[in-house]
């Protein structure tokens, strides 16, 4: 994910991931297995806007997995 020219794409993916989480389409098991690894990778992005968005998504995921 080091290609800096695609940071807007990564930001869009992160925002769509957050939208999917807010709709509640996925079970906790699917979230843990498929979506959380993507969010964890996006939290480590080089671009701050992507990291901030991914942090919000990860927070939403954790609250759904915990609650």
Protein backbone atom coordinates (compact mmCIF):
# COMPACT_ATOMS: atom_id res chain seq x y z
CA UNK A 1 0.00 0.00 0.00
CA UNK A 2 2.96 2.31 -0.48
CA UNK A 3 1.73 3.77 -3.73
CA UNK A 4 1.00 7.34 -2.68
CA UNK A 5 -0.90 8.17 -5.85
CA UNK A 6 -3.69 5.79 -4.86
CA UNK A 7 -4.34 7.28 -1.42
CA UNK A 8 -7.72 8.62 -2.55
CA UNK A 9 -8.72 5.13 -3.62
CA UNK A 10 -7.65 3.76 -0.23
CA UNK A 11 -9.61 6.54 1.47
CA UNK A 12 -12.70 5.67 -0.56
CA UNK A 13 -12.32 1.97 0.30
CA UNK A 14 -12.04 2.90 3.96
CA UNK A 15 -15.17 5.04 3.82
CA UNK A 16 -17.10 2.26 2.08
CA UNK A 17 -15.89 -0.20 4.70
CA UNK A 18 -17.30 2.13 7.35
CA UNK A 19 -20.61 2.33 5.49
CA UNK A 20 -20.83 -1.45 5.35
CA UNK A 21 -20.20 -1.63 9.08
CA UNK A 22 -22.93 0.89 9.86
CA UNK A 23 -25.46 -1.13 7.83
CA UNK A 24 -24.80 -4.23 9.91
CA UNK A 25 -24.59 -6.56 6.92
CA UNK A 26 -21.89 -8.78 8.35
CA UNK A 27 -21.80 -11.13 11.30
CA UNK A 28 -19.14 -10.68 13.98
CA UNK A 29 -17.32 -13.76 12.65
CA UNK A 30 -17.15 -12.34 9.12
CA UNK A 31 -16.11 -8.96 10.44
CA UNK A 32 -13.30 -10.52 12.46
CA UNK A 33 -12.14 -12.76 9.61
CA UNK A 34 -12.43 -10.52 6.55
CA UNK A 35 -13.05 -6.86 7.37
CA UNK A 36 -10.88 -6.29 10.44
CA UNK A 37 -7.62 -7.28 8.69
CA UNK A 38 -8.33 -4.70 5.98
CA UNK A 39 -9.02 -2.01 8.57
CA UNK A 40 -5.85 -2.91 10.47
CA UNK A 41 -3.80 -2.53 7.32
CA UNK A 42 -5.45 0.80 6.48
CA UNK A 43 -4.73 2.14 9.99
CA UNK A 44 -1.04 1.81 9.13
CA UNK A 45 -1.29 3.80 5.88
CA UNK A 46 1.24 6.53 5.09
CA UNK A 47 -1.48 9.12 4.43
CA UNK A 48 -3.02 10.68 7.53
CA UNK A 49 -6.53 11.03 6.06
CA UNK A 50 -6.66 7.29 5.40
CA UNK A 51 -5.38 6.51 8.90
CA UNK A 52 -7.99 8.74 10.52
CA UNK A 53 -10.83 7.22 8.51
CA UNK A 54 -9.57 3.71 9.22
CA UNK A 55 -9.34 4.47 12.92
CA UNK A 56 -13.00 5.47 12.92
CA UNK A 57 -13.92 2.28 11.07
CA UNK A 58 -11.85 0.14 13.42
CA UNK A 59 -13.51 1.78 16.40
CA UNK A 60 -16.91 0.96 14.94
CA UNK A 61 -15.83 -2.63 14.34
CA UNK A 62 -14.57 -3.05 17.87
CA UNK A 63 -17.77 -1.70 19.35
CA UNK A 64 -19.84 -4.10 17.24
CA UNK A 65 -17.61 -7.05 18.09
CA UNK A 66 -17.60 -6.25 21.77
CA UNK A 67 -21.29 -5.42 22.09
